[in-house]
Amino acid sequence: MTLLGFILADTIMGIYTTIKLHGIESFKSTKLFNVVVKLFFYVTSVMCMFAVDQFILSGQIGGIKHVLSKSFCVLFIYIEIKSIDESSMKLGNRSLWSIVKELVNRIQSLKKDIKS
């Protein structure tokens, strides 16, 4: 369900970016078919990794249950976040990663100030 949420968020962001940059006439229904292909590929991959986890690896590796299927989910979520970030940057916004880096630096600076 989380993966589906990120796919939908990426799709909505892509539609918004396309309409904002090129107008409503640039939006075509054929581009929405990519959602179906992406969803099918992601879900199939995660299900295959779940089968490998469950039936070949006996459900866990190193005490972590279903580590392969979870890893694939994290990978696909990262891809969707990166795509959302790229769409946002097309609109003139700063990269999400630079914002997170600045936030971490501010927190570290605040931590140093508190200690001293």
PDB file of N, CA and C in Angstrom:
ATOM      1  N   MET A   1       0.827  -1.193   0.000  1.00  0.00           N
ATOM      2  CA  MET A   1       0.000   0.000   0.000  1.00  0.00           C
ATOM      3  C   MET A   1       0.870   1.256   0.000  1.00  0.00           C
ATOM      4  N   THR A   2       1.987   1.199   0.712  1.00  0.00           N
ATOM      5  CA  THR A   2       2.904   2.339   0.742  1.00  0.00           C
ATOM      6  C   THR A   2       3.478   2.596  -0.639  1.00  0.00           C
ATOM      7  N   LEU A   3       3.861   1.532  -1.301  1.00  0.00           N
ATOM      8  CA  LEU A   3       4.409   1.650  -2.645  1.00  0.00           C
ATOM      9  C   LEU A   3       3.371   2.243  -3.590  1.00  0.00           C
ATOM     10  N   LEU A   4       2.141   1.811  -3.480  1.00  0.00           N
ATOM     11  CA  LEU A   4       1.062   2.354  -4.296  1.00  0.00           C
ATOM     12  C   LEU A   4       0.893   3.850  -4.032  1.00  0.00           C
ATOM     13  N   GLY A   5       0.988   4.253  -2.787  1.00  0.00           N
ATOM     14  CA  GLY A   5       0.890   5.670  -2.438  1.00  0.00           C
ATOM     15  C   GLY A   5       1.971   6.507  -3.091  1.00  0.00           C
ATOM     16  N   PHE A   6       3.205   5.991  -3.101  1.00  0.00           N
ATOM     17  CA  PHE A   6       4.301   6.724  -3.729  1.00  0.00           C
ATOM     18  C   PHE A   6       4.141   6.775  -5.249  1.00  0.00           C
ATOM     19  N   ILE A   7       3.649   5.708  -5.845  1.00  0.00           N
ATOM     20  CA  ILE A   7       3.408   5.708  -7.285  1.00  0.00           C
ATOM     21  C   ILE A   7       2.344   6.745  -7.639  1.00  0.00           C
ATOM     22  N   LEU A   8       1.274   6.787  -6.853  1.00  0.00           N
ATOM     23  CA  LEU A   8       0.219   7.778  -7.097  1.00  0.00           C
ATOM     24  C   LEU A   8       0.729   9.203  -6.890  1.00  0.00           C
ATOM     25  N   ALA A   9       1.538   9.421  -5.859  1.00  0.00           N
ATOM     26  CA  ALA A   9       2.105  10.749  -5.612  1.00  0.00           C
ATOM     27  C   ALA A   9       2.997  11.178  -6.772  1.00  0.00           C
ATOM     28  N   ASP A  10       3.802  10.262  -7.283  1.00  0.00           N
ATOM     29  CA  ASP A  10       4.667  10.564  -8.424  1.00  0.00           C
ATOM     30  C   ASP A  10       3.836  10.888  -9.664  1.00  0.00           C
ATOM     31  N   THR A  11       2.778  10.130  -9.878  1.00  0.00           N
ATOM     32  CA  THR A  11       1.912  10.369 -11.032  1.00  0.00           C
ATOM     33  C   THR A  11       1.232  11.729 -10.940  1.00  0.00           C
ATOM     34  N   ILE A  12       0.708  12.047  -9.768  1.00  0.00           N
ATOM     35  CA  ILE A  12       0.046  13.343  -9.575  1.00  0.00           C
ATOM     36  C   ILE A  12       1.041  14.485  -9.765  1.00  0.00           C
ATOM     37  N   MET A  13       2.250  14.321  -9.233  1.00  0.00           N
ATOM     38  CA  MET A  13       3.277  15.355  -9.386  1.00  0.00           C
ATOM     39  C   MET A  13       3.683  15.512 -10.846  1.00  0.00           C
ATOM     40  N   GLY A  14       3.789  14.399 -11.557  1.00  0.00           N
ATOM     41  CA  GLY A  14       4.127  14.454 -12.978  1.00  0.00           C
ATOM     42  C   GLY A  14       3.055  15.157 -13.799  1.00  0.00           C
ATOM     43  N   ILE A  15       1.791  14.864 -13.497  1.00  0.00           N
ATOM     44  CA  ILE A  15       0.678  15.521 -14.199  1.00  0.00           C
ATOM     45  C   ILE A  15       0.685  17.016 -13.897  1.00  0.00           C
ATOM     46  N   TYR A  16       0.855  17.358 -12.629  1.00  0.00           N
ATOM     47  CA  TYR A  16       0.879  18.769 -12.241  1.00  0.00           C
ATOM     48  C   TYR A  16       2.013  19.515 -12.937  1.00  0.00           C
ATOM     49  N   THR A  17       3.205  18.908 -12.956  1.00  0.00           N
ATOM     50  CA  THR A  17       4.365  19.536 -13.588  1.00  0.00           C
ATOM     51  C   THR A  17       4.130  19.733 -15.082  1.00  0.00           C
ATOM     52  N   THR A  18       3.610  18.719 -15.753  1.00  0.00           N
ATOM     53  CA  THR A  18       3.352  18.814 -17.191  1.00  0.00           C
ATOM     54  C   THR A  18       2.358  19.921 -17.493  1.00  0.00           C
ATOM     55  N   ILE A  19       1.279  19.965 -16.743  1.00  0.00           N
ATOM     56  CA  ILE A  19       0.257  20.993 -16.983  1.00  0.00           C
ATOM     57  C   ILE A  19       0.799  22.383 -16.652  1.00  0.00           C
ATOM     58  N   LYS A  20       1.557  22.490 -15.570  1.00  0.00           N
ATOM     59  CA  LYS A  20       2.106  23.786 -15.161  1.00  0.00           C
ATOM     60  C   LYS A  20       3.109  24.328 -16.185  1.00  0.00           C
ATOM     61  N   LEU A  21       3.934  23.445 -16.741  1.00  0.00           N
ATOM     62  CA  LEU A  21       4.973  23.894 -17.677  1.00  0.00           C
ATOM     63  C   LEU A  21       4.482  24.042 -19.116  1.00  0.00           C
ATOM     64  N   HIS A  22       3.591  23.169 -19.548  1.00  0.00           N
ATOM     65  CA  HIS A  22       3.228  23.126 -20.967  1.00  0.00           C
ATOM     66  C   HIS A  22       1.747  23.341 -21.236  1.00  0.00           C
ATOM     67  N   GLY A  23       0.935  23.527 -20.214  1.00  0.00           N
ATOM     68  CA  GLY A  23      -0.489  23.751 -20.407  1.00  0.00           C
ATOM     69  C   GLY A  23      -1.282  22.458 -20.408  1.00  0.00           C
ATOM     70  N   ILE A  24      -2.581  22.602 -20.291  1.00  0.00           N
ATOM     71  CA  ILE A  24      -3.470  21.449 -20.176  1.00  0.00           C
ATOM     72  C   ILE A  24      -3.477  20.600 -21.444  1.00  0.00           C
ATOM     73  N   GLU A  25      -3.241  21.207 -22.589  1.00  0.00           N
ATOM     74  CA  GLU A  25      -3.271  20.425 -23.838  1.00  0.00           C
ATOM     75  C   GLU A  25      -2.100  19.466 -23.967  1.00  0.00           C
ATOM     76  N   SER A  26      -1.053  19.658 -23.163  1.00  0.00           N
ATOM     77  CA  SER A  26       0.100  18.755 -23.220  1.00  0.00           C
ATOM     78  C   SER A  26      -0.148  17.445 -22.478  1.00  0.00           C
ATOM     79  N   PHE A  27      -1.167  17.417 -21.644  1.00  0.00           N
ATOM     80  CA  PHE A  27      -1.466  16.211 -20.875  1.00  0.00           C
ATOM     81  C   PHE A  27      -2.261  15.236 -21.741  1.00  0.00           C
ATOM     82  N   LYS A  28      -1.728  14.038 -21.911  1.00  0.00           N
ATOM     83  CA  LYS A  28      -2.367  13.004 -22.727  1.00  0.00           C
ATOM     84  C   LYS A  28      -2.645  11.775 -21.866  1.00  0.00           C
ATOM     85  N   SER A  29      -3.751  11.119 -22.139  1.00  0.00           N
ATOM     86  CA  SER A  29      -4.141   9.948 -21.354  1.00  0.00           C
ATOM     87  C   SER A  29      -3.186   8.769 -21.555  1.00  0.00           C
ATOM     88  N   THR A  30      -2.476   8.758 -22.684  1.00  0.00           N
ATOM     89  CA  THR A  30      -1.551   7.648 -22.934  1.00  0.00           C
ATOM     90  C   THR A  30      -0.411   7.627 -21.923  1.00  0.00           C
ATOM     91  N   LYS A  31      -0.080   8.773 -21.362  1.00  0.00           N
ATOM     92  CA  LYS A  31       0.993   8.823 -20.359  1.00  0.00           C
ATOM     93  C   LYS A  31       0.579   8.151 -19.055  1.00  0.00           C
ATOM     94  N   LEU A  32      -0.721   8.061 -18.808  1.00  0.00           N
ATOM     95  CA  LEU A  32      -1.194   7.405 -17.592  1.00  0.00           C
ATOM     96  C   LEU A  32      -1.004   5.892 -17.644  1.00  0.00           C
ATOM     97  N   PHE A  33      -0.837   5.339 -18.840  1.00  0.00           N
ATOM     98  CA  PHE A  33      -0.629   3.903 -18.958  1.00  0.00           C
ATOM     99  C   PHE A  33       0.663   3.476 -18.284  1.00  0.00           C
ATOM    100  N   ASN A  34       1.633   4.381 -18.194  1.00  0.00           N
ATOM    101  CA  ASN A  34       2.901   4.065 -17.515  1.00  0.00           C
ATOM    102  C   ASN A  34       2.672   3.680 -16.063  1.00  0.00           C
ATOM    103  N   VAL A  35       1.616   4.209 -15.455  1.00  0.00           N
ATOM    104  CA  VAL A  35       1.298   3.861 -14.067  1.00  0.00           C
ATOM    105  C   VAL A  35       0.985   2.378 -13.967  1.00  0.00           C
ATOM    106  N   VAL A  36       0.234   1.863 -14.925  1.00  0.00           N
ATOM    107  CA  VAL A  36      -0.143   0.452 -14.922  1.00  0.00           C
ATOM    108  C   VAL A  36       1.095  -0.425 -15.077  1.00  0.00           C
ATOM    109  N   VAL A  37       1.949  -0.075 -16.017  1.00  0.00           N
ATOM    110  CA  VAL A  37       3.166  -0.853 -16.258  1.00  0.00           C
ATOM    111  C   VAL A  37       4.072  -0.823 -15.024  1.00  0.00           C
ATOM    112  N   LYS A  38       4.256   0.362 -14.466  1.00  0.00           N
ATOM    113  CA  LYS A  38       5.110   0.512 -13.286  1.00  0.00           C
ATOM    114  C   LYS A  38       4.540  -0.279 -12.111  1.00  0.00           C
ATOM    115  N   LEU A  39       3.254  -0.150 -11.879  1.00  0.00           N
ATOM    116  CA  LEU A  39       2.611  -0.853 -10.778  1.00  0.00           C
ATOM    117  C   LEU A  39       2.723  -2.364 -10.948  1.00  0.00           C
ATOM    118  N   PHE A  40       2.492  -2.851 -12.163  1.00  0.00           N
ATOM    119  CA  PHE A  40       2.603  -4.285 -12.435  1.00  0.00           C
ATOM    120  C   PHE A  40       4.025  -4.776 -12.190  1.00  0.00           C
ATOM    121  N   PHE A  41       5.021  -4.039 -12.695  1.00  0.00           N
ATOM    122  CA  PHE A  41       6.417  -4.440 -12.522  1.00  0.00           C
ATOM    123  C   PHE A  41       6.810  -4.435 -11.045  1.00  0.00           C
ATOM    124  N   TYR A  42       6.472  -3.367 -10.331  1.00  0.00           N
ATOM    125  CA  TYR A  42       6.844  -3.265  -8.924  1.00  0.00           C
ATOM    126  C   TYR A  42       6.190  -4.365  -8.097  1.00  0.00           C
ATOM    127  N   VAL A  43       4.887  -4.546  -8.270  1.00  0.00           N
ATOM    128  CA  VAL A  43       4.168  -5.541  -7.465  1.00  0.00           C
ATOM    129  C   VAL A  43       4.658  -6.952  -7.783  1.00  0.00           C
ATOM    130  N   THR A  44       4.883  -7.234  -9.059  1.00  0.00           N
ATOM    131  CA  THR A  44       5.385  -8.554  -9.447  1.00  0.00           C
ATOM    132  C   THR A  44       6.767  -8.814  -8.845  1.00  0.00           C
ATOM    133  N   SER A  45       7.627  -7.821  -8.893  1.00  0.00           N
ATOM    134  CA  SER A  45       8.973  -7.971  -8.324  1.00  0.00           C
ATOM    135  C   SER A  45       8.921  -8.220  -6.824  1.00  0.00           C
ATOM    136  N   VAL A  46       8.108  -7.455  -6.125  1.00  0.00           N
ATOM    137  CA  VAL A  46       8.001  -7.609  -4.673  1.00  0.00           C
ATOM    138  C   VAL A  46       7.401  -8.972  -4.334  1.00  0.00           C
ATOM    139  N   MET A  47       6.397  -9.406  -5.096  1.00  0.00           N
ATOM    140  CA  MET A  47       5.802 -10.716  -4.840  1.00  0.00           C
ATOM    141  C   MET A  47       6.788 -11.851  -5.098  1.00  0.00           C
ATOM    142  N   CYS A  48       7.591 -11.724  -6.133  1.00  0.00           N
ATOM    143  CA  CYS A  48       8.612 -12.749  -6.408  1.00  0.00           C
ATOM    144  C   CYS A  48       9.643 -12.801  -5.279  1.00  0.00           C
ATOM    145  N   MET A  49      10.065 -11.630  -4.799  1.00  0.00           N
ATOM    146  CA  MET A  49      11.022 -11.595  -3.697  1.00  0.00           C
ATOM    147  C   MET A  49      10.398 -12.130  -2.407  1.00  0.00           C
ATOM    148  N   PHE A  50       9.105 -11.900  -2.231  1.00  0.00           N
ATOM    149  CA  PHE A  50       8.418 -12.466  -1.070  1.00  0.00           C
ATOM    150  C   PHE A  50       8.420 -13.989  -1.149  1.00  0.00           C
ATOM    151  N   ALA A  51       8.192 -14.521  -2.349  1.00  0.00           N
ATOM    152  CA  ALA A  51       8.215 -15.981  -2.529  1.00  0.00           C
ATOM    153  C   ALA A  51       9.602 -16.538  -2.233  1.00  0.00           C
ATOM    154  N   VAL A  52      10.646 -15.833  -2.703  1.00  0.00           N
ATOM    155  CA  VAL A  52      12.017 -16.262  -2.412  1.00  0.00           C
ATOM    156  C   VAL A  52      12.266 -16.203  -0.907  1.00  0.00           C
ATOM    157  N   ASP A  53      11.858 -15.109  -0.283  1.00  0.00           N
ATOM    158  CA  ASP A  53      12.008 -14.987   1.173  1.00  0.00           C
ATOM    159  C   ASP A  53      11.319 -16.134   1.904  1.00  0.00           C
ATOM    160  N   GLN A  54      10.086 -16.384   1.535  1.00  0.00           N
ATOM    161  CA  GLN A  54       9.259 -17.331   2.260  1.00  0.00           C
ATOM    162  C   GLN A  54       9.673 -18.780   2.034  1.00  0.00           C
ATOM    163  N   PHE A  55       9.900 -19.151   0.767  1.00  0.00           N
ATOM    164  CA  PHE A  55      10.072 -20.563   0.452  1.00  0.00           C
ATOM    165  C   PHE A  55      11.529 -20.997   0.294  1.00  0.00           C
ATOM    166  N   ILE A  56      12.429 -20.102  -0.021  1.00  0.00           N
ATOM    167  CA  ILE A  56      13.834 -20.479  -0.170  1.00  0.00           C
ATOM    168  C   ILE A  56      14.640 -20.097   1.071  1.00  0.00           C
ATOM    169  N   LEU A  57      14.377 -18.910   1.607  1.00  0.00           N
ATOM    170  CA  LEU A  57      15.144 -18.426   2.757  1.00  0.00           C
ATOM    171  C   LEU A  57      14.433 -18.649   4.083  1.00  0.00           C
ATOM    172  N   SER A  58      13.346 -19.389   4.075  1.00  0.00           N
ATOM    173  CA  SER A  58      12.574 -19.716   5.282  1.00  0.00           C
ATOM    174  C   SER A  58      12.067 -18.481   6.027  1.00  0.00           C
ATOM    175  N   GLY A  59      11.813 -17.411   5.316  1.00  0.00           N
ATOM    176  CA  GLY A  59      11.155 -16.253   5.911  1.00  0.00           C
ATOM    177  C   GLY A  59      12.042 -15.196   6.518  1.00  0.00           C
ATOM    178  N   GLN A  60      13.345 -15.482   6.721  1.00  0.00           N
ATOM    179  CA  GLN A  60      14.181 -14.446   7.322  1.00  0.00           C
ATOM    180  C   GLN A  60      15.661 -14.648   7.018  1.00  0.00           C
ATOM    181  N   ILE A  61      16.372 -13.535   7.055  1.00  0.00           N
ATOM    182  CA  ILE A  61      17.833 -13.531   6.930  1.00  0.00           C
ATOM    183  C   ILE A  61      18.359 -12.680   8.076  1.00  0.00           C
ATOM    184  N   GLY A  62      19.227 -13.248   8.851  1.00  0.00           N
ATOM    185  CA  GLY A  62      19.828 -12.509   9.963  1.00  0.00           C
ATOM    186  C   GLY A  62      18.811 -11.981  10.951  1.00  0.00           C
ATOM    187  N   GLY A  63      17.716 -12.685  11.126  1.00  0.00           N
ATOM    188  CA  GLY A  63      16.699 -12.269  12.083  1.00  0.00           C
ATOM    189  C   GLY A  63      15.711 -11.244  11.548  1.00  0.00           C
ATOM    190  N   ILE A  64      15.864 -10.837  10.289  1.00  0.00           N
ATOM    191  CA  ILE A  64      14.943  -9.873   9.682  1.00  0.00           C
ATOM    192  C   ILE A  64      13.991 -10.627   8.774  1.00  0.00           C
ATOM    193  N   LYS A  65      12.702 -10.501   9.047  1.00  0.00           N
ATOM    194  CA  LYS A  65      11.708 -11.205   8.245  1.00  0.00           C
ATOM    195  C   LYS A  65      11.542 -10.529   6.886  1.00  0.00           C
ATOM    196  N   HIS A  66      11.473 -11.341   5.848  1.00  0.00           N
ATOM    197  CA  HIS A  66      11.203 -10.910   4.475  1.00  0.00           C
ATOM    198  C   HIS A  66      12.109  -9.755   4.031  1.00  0.00           C
ATOM    199  N   VAL A  67      13.389  -9.925   4.228  1.00  0.00           N
ATOM    200  CA  VAL A  67      14.349  -8.859   3.947  1.00  0.00           C
ATOM    201  C   VAL A  67      14.426  -8.525   2.451  1.00  0.00           C
ATOM    202  N   LEU A  68      14.306  -9.501   1.576  1.00  0.00           N
ATOM    203  CA  LEU A  68      14.381  -9.204   0.145  1.00  0.00           C
ATOM    204  C   LEU A  68      13.182  -8.402  -0.345  1.00  0.00           C
ATOM    205  N   SER A  69      11.991  -8.790   0.067  1.00  0.00           N
ATOM    206  CA  SER A  69      10.812  -8.053  -0.375  1.00  0.00           C
ATOM    207  C   SER A  69      10.802  -6.638   0.213  1.00  0.00           C
ATOM    208  N   LYS A  70      11.250  -6.483   1.445  1.00  0.00           N
ATOM    209  CA  LYS A  70      11.347  -5.153   2.046  1.00  0.00           C
ATOM    210  C   LYS A  70      12.396  -4.303   1.339  1.00  0.00           C
ATOM    211  N   SER A  71      13.503  -4.935   0.967  1.00  0.00           N
ATOM    212  CA  SER A  71      14.561  -4.209   0.260  1.00  0.00           C
ATOM    213  C   SER A  71      14.076  -3.716  -1.100  1.00  0.00           C
ATOM    214  N   PHE A  72      13.346  -4.557  -1.807  1.00  0.00           N
ATOM    215  CA  PHE A  72      12.807  -4.144  -3.097  1.00  0.00           C
ATOM    216  C   PHE A  72      11.807  -3.000  -2.934  1.00  0.00           C
ATOM    217  N   CYS A  73      10.986  -3.071  -1.907  1.00  0.00           N
ATOM    218  CA  CYS A  73      10.036  -1.974  -1.646  1.00  0.00           C
ATOM    219  C   CYS A  73      10.781  -0.670  -1.393  1.00  0.00           C
ATOM    220  N   VAL A  74      11.825  -0.716  -0.586  1.00  0.00           N
ATOM    221  CA  VAL A  74      12.605   0.485  -0.291  1.00  0.00           C
ATOM    222  C   VAL A  74      13.257   1.022  -1.567  1.00  0.00           C
ATOM    223  N   LEU A  75      13.786   0.134  -2.394  1.00  0.00           N
ATOM    224  CA  LEU A  75      14.393   0.555  -3.657  1.00  0.00           C
ATOM    225  C   LEU A  75      13.371   1.256  -4.550  1.00  0.00           C
ATOM    226  N   PHE A  76      12.195   0.678  -4.695  1.00  0.00           N
ATOM    227  CA  PHE A  76      11.174   1.267  -5.555  1.00  0.00           C
ATOM    228  C   PHE A  76      10.646   2.582  -4.977  1.00  0.00           C
ATOM    229  N   ILE A  77      10.542   2.678  -3.665  1.00  0.00           N
ATOM    230  CA  ILE A  77      10.125   3.935  -3.042  1.00  0.00           C
ATOM    231  C   ILE A  77      11.176   5.009  -3.275  1.00  0.00           C
ATOM    232  N   TYR A  78      12.455   4.649  -3.189  1.00  0.00           N
ATOM    233  CA  TYR A  78      13.525   5.604  -3.483  1.00  0.00           C
ATOM    234  C   TYR A  78      13.413   6.113  -4.921  1.00  0.00           C
ATOM    235  N   ILE A  79      13.142   5.209  -5.857  1.00  0.00           N
ATOM    236  CA  ILE A  79      12.990   5.607  -7.262  1.00  0.00           C
ATOM    237  C   ILE A  79      11.839   6.604  -7.405  1.00  0.00           C
ATOM    238  N   GLU A  80      10.733   6.348  -6.728  1.00  0.00           N
ATOM    239  CA  GLU A  80       9.575   7.246  -6.819  1.00  0.00           C
ATOM    240  C   GLU A  80       9.882   8.600  -6.170  1.00  0.00           C
ATOM    241  N   ILE A  81      10.572   8.612  -5.038  1.00  0.00           N
ATOM    242  CA  ILE A  81      10.944   9.877  -4.392  1.00  0.00           C
ATOM    243  C   ILE A  81      11.870  10.673  -5.297  1.00  0.00           C
ATOM    244  N   LYS A  82      12.813   9.997  -5.928  1.00  0.00           N
ATOM    245  CA  LYS A  82      13.732  10.669  -6.847  1.00  0.00           C
ATOM    246  C   LYS A  82      12.969  11.269  -8.023  1.00  0.00           C
ATOM    247  N   SER A  83      11.982  10.550  -8.534  1.00  0.00           N
ATOM    248  CA  SER A  83      11.177  11.055  -9.639  1.00  0.00           C
ATOM    249  C   SER A  83      10.348  12.274  -9.216  1.00  0.00           C
ATOM    250  N   ILE A  84       9.778  12.230  -8.025  1.00  0.00           N
ATOM    251  CA  ILE A  84       9.028  13.375  -7.502  1.00  0.00           C
ATOM    252  C   ILE A  84       9.957  14.574  -7.349  1.00  0.00           C
ATOM    253  N   ASP A  85      11.168  14.334  -6.850  1.00  0.00           N
ATOM    254  CA  ASP A  85      12.151  15.398  -6.678  1.00  0.00           C
ATOM    255  C   ASP A  85      12.526  16.017  -8.020  1.00  0.00           C
ATOM    256  N   GLU A  86      12.721  15.189  -9.045  1.00  0.00           N
ATOM    257  CA  GLU A  86      13.057  15.704 -10.368  1.00  0.00           C
ATOM    258  C   GLU A  86      11.923  16.551 -10.940  1.00  0.00           C
ATOM    259  N   SER A  87      10.694  16.116 -10.742  1.00  0.00           N
ATOM    260  CA  SER A  87       9.548  16.907 -11.205  1.00  0.00           C
ATOM    261  C   SER A  87       9.488  18.242 -10.472  1.00  0.00           C
ATOM    262  N   SER A  88       9.762  18.217  -9.181  1.00  0.00           N
ATOM    263  CA  SER A  88       9.763  19.445  -8.397  1.00  0.00           C
ATOM    264  C   SER A  88      10.855  20.401  -8.861  1.00  0.00           C
ATOM    265  N   MET A  89      12.020  19.865  -9.187  1.00  0.00           N
ATOM    266  CA  MET A  89      13.124  20.714  -9.657  1.00  0.00           C
ATOM    267  C   MET A  89      12.807  21.327 -11.020  1.00  0.00           C
ATOM    268  N   LYS A  90      12.034  20.636 -11.857  1.00  0.00           N
ATOM    269  CA  LYS A  90      11.616  21.202 -13.142  1.00  0.00           C
ATOM    270  C   LYS A  90      10.768  22.456 -12.944  1.00  0.00           C
ATOM    271  N   LEU A  91      10.075  22.522 -11.812  1.00  0.00           N
ATOM    272  CA  LEU A  91       9.246  23.685 -11.499  1.00  0.00           C
ATOM    273  C   LEU A  91      10.052  24.820 -10.872  1.00  0.00           C
ATOM    274  N   GLY A  92      11.359  24.600 -10.689  1.00  0.00           N
ATOM    275  CA  GLY A  92      12.222  25.640 -10.140  1.00  0.00           C
ATOM    276  C   GLY A  92      12.502  25.518  -8.663  1.00  0.00           C
ATOM    277  N   ASN A  93      12.062  24.452  -8.043  1.00  0.00           N
ATOM    278  CA  ASN A  93      12.314  24.242  -6.612  1.00  0.00           C
ATOM    279  C   ASN A  93      13.691  23.626  -6.394  1.00  0.00           C
ATOM    280  N   ARG A  94      14.181  23.774  -5.184  1.00  0.00           N
ATOM    281  CA  ARG A  94      15.462  23.154  -4.851  1.00  0.00           C
ATOM    282  C   ARG A  94      15.288  21.661  -4.668  1.00  0.00           C
ATOM    283  N   SER A  95      16.398  20.944  -4.777  1.00  0.00           N
ATOM    284  CA  SER A  95      16.391  19.497  -4.605  1.00  0.00           C
ATOM    285  C   SER A  95      16.039  19.132  -3.167  1.00  0.00           C
ATOM    286  N   LEU A  96      15.240  18.085  -3.034  1.00  0.00           N
ATOM    287  CA  LEU A  96      14.864  17.580  -1.720  1.00  0.00           C
ATOM    288  C   LEU A  96      16.096  17.175  -0.925  1.00  0.00           C
ATOM    289  N   TRP A  97      17.077  16.606  -1.602  1.00  0.00           N
ATOM    290  CA  TRP A  97      18.285  16.116  -0.925  1.00  0.00           C
ATOM    291  C   TRP A  97      19.098  17.274  -0.350  1.00  0.00           C
ATOM    292  N   SER A  98      19.157  18.419  -1.063  1.00  0.00           N
ATOM    293  CA  SER A  98      19.893  19.564  -0.521  1.00  0.00           C
ATOM    294  C   SER A  98      19.157  20.157   0.680  1.00  0.00           C
ATOM    295  N   ILE A  99      17.834  20.126   0.650  1.00  0.00           N
ATOM    296  CA  ILE A  99      17.050  20.611   1.784  1.00  0.00           C
ATOM    297  C   ILE A  99      17.279  19.724   3.005  1.00  0.00           C
ATOM    298  N   VAL A 100      17.272  18.404   2.803  1.00  0.00           N
ATOM    299  CA  VAL A 100      17.515  17.465   3.910  1.00  0.00           C
ATOM    300  C   VAL A 100      18.930  17.652   4.458  1.00  0.00           C
ATOM    301  N   LYS A 101      19.902  17.853   3.565  1.00  0.00           N
ATOM    302  CA  LYS A 101      21.295  18.049   4.000  1.00  0.00           C
ATOM    303  C   LYS A 101      21.413  19.316   4.847  1.00  0.00           C
ATOM    304  N   GLU A 102      20.771  20.393   4.425  1.00  0.00           N
ATOM    305  CA  GLU A 102      20.795  21.631   5.211  1.00  0.00           C
ATOM    306  C   GLU A 102      20.128  21.427   6.569  1.00  0.00           C
ATOM    307  N   LEU A 103      19.035  20.689   6.600  1.00  0.00           N
ATOM    308  CA  LEU A 103      18.336  20.415   7.858  1.00  0.00           C
ATOM    309  C   LEU A 103      19.232  19.638   8.818  1.00  0.00           C
ATOM    310  N   VAL A 104      19.925  18.623   8.302  1.00  0.00           N
ATOM    311  CA  VAL A 104      20.843  17.835   9.135  1.00  0.00           C
ATOM    312  C   VAL A 104      21.970  18.723   9.664  1.00  0.00           C
ATOM    313  N   ASN A 105      22.519  19.591   8.812  1.00  0.00           N
ATOM    314  CA  ASN A 105      23.585  20.494   9.253  1.00  0.00           C
ATOM    315  C   ASN A 105      23.090  21.443  10.343  1.00  0.00           C
ATOM    316  N   ARG A 106      21.858  21.958  10.198  1.00  0.00           N
ATOM    317  CA  ARG A 106      21.297  22.850  11.226  1.00  0.00           C
ATOM    318  C   ARG A 106      21.096  22.114  12.543  1.00  0.00           C
ATOM    319  N   ILE A 107      20.634  20.879  12.467  1.00  0.00           N
ATOM    320  CA  ILE A 107      20.432  20.086  13.688  1.00  0.00           C
ATOM    321  C   ILE A 107      21.766  19.818  14.368  1.00  0.00           C
ATOM    322  N   GLN A 108      22.798  19.490  13.575  1.00  0.00           N
ATOM    323  CA  GLN A 108      24.124  19.263  14.153  1.00  0.00           C
ATOM    324  C   GLN A 108      24.670  20.536  14.780  1.00  0.00           C
ATOM    325  N   SER A 109      24.453  21.664  14.128  1.00  0.00           N
ATOM    326  CA  SER A 109      24.895  22.943  14.674  1.00  0.00           C
ATOM    327  C   SER A 109      24.161  23.268  15.964  1.00  0.00           C
ATOM    328  N   LEU A 110      22.870  23.013  16.001  1.00  0.00           N
ATOM    329  CA  LEU A 110      22.088  23.242  17.207  1.00  0.00           C
ATOM    330  C   LEU A 110      22.554  22.341  18.335  1.00  0.00           C
ATOM    331  N   LYS A 111      22.885  21.101  18.001  1.00  0.00           N
ATOM    332  CA  LYS A 111      23.382  20.137  18.994  1.00  0.00           C
ATOM    333  C   LYS A 111      24.698  20.635  19.596  1.00  0.00           C
ATOM    334  N   LYS A 112      25.588  21.162  18.739  1.00  0.00           N
ATOM    335  CA  LYS A 112      26.868  21.698  19.236  1.00  0.00           C
ATOM    336  C   LYS A 112      26.642  22.912  20.131  1.00  0.00           C
ATOM    337  N   ASP A 113      25.684  23.785  19.741  1.00  0.00           N
ATOM    338  CA  ASP A 113      25.368  24.953  20.540  1.00  0.00           C
ATOM    339  C   ASP A 113      24.817  24.563  21.908  1.00  0.00           C
ATOM    340  N   ILE A 114      23.985  23.556  21.944  1.00  0.00           N
ATOM    341  CA  ILE A 114      23.401  23.102  23.212  1.00  0.00           C
ATOM    342  C   ILE A 114      24.473  22.537  24.121  1.00  0.00           C
ATOM    343  N   LYS A 115      25.410  21.758  23.540  1.00  0.00           N
ATOM    344  CA  LYS A 115      26.487  21.181  24.356  1.00  0.00           C
ATOM    345  C   LYS A 115      27.392  22.245  24.931  1.00  0.00           C
ATOM    346  N   SER A 116      27.631  23.315  24.196  1.00  0.00           N
ATOM    347  CA  SER A 116      28.548  24.360  24.685  1.00  0.00           C
ATOM    348  C   SER A 116      27.758  25.399  25.443  1.00  0.00           C
TER     349      SER A 116
END
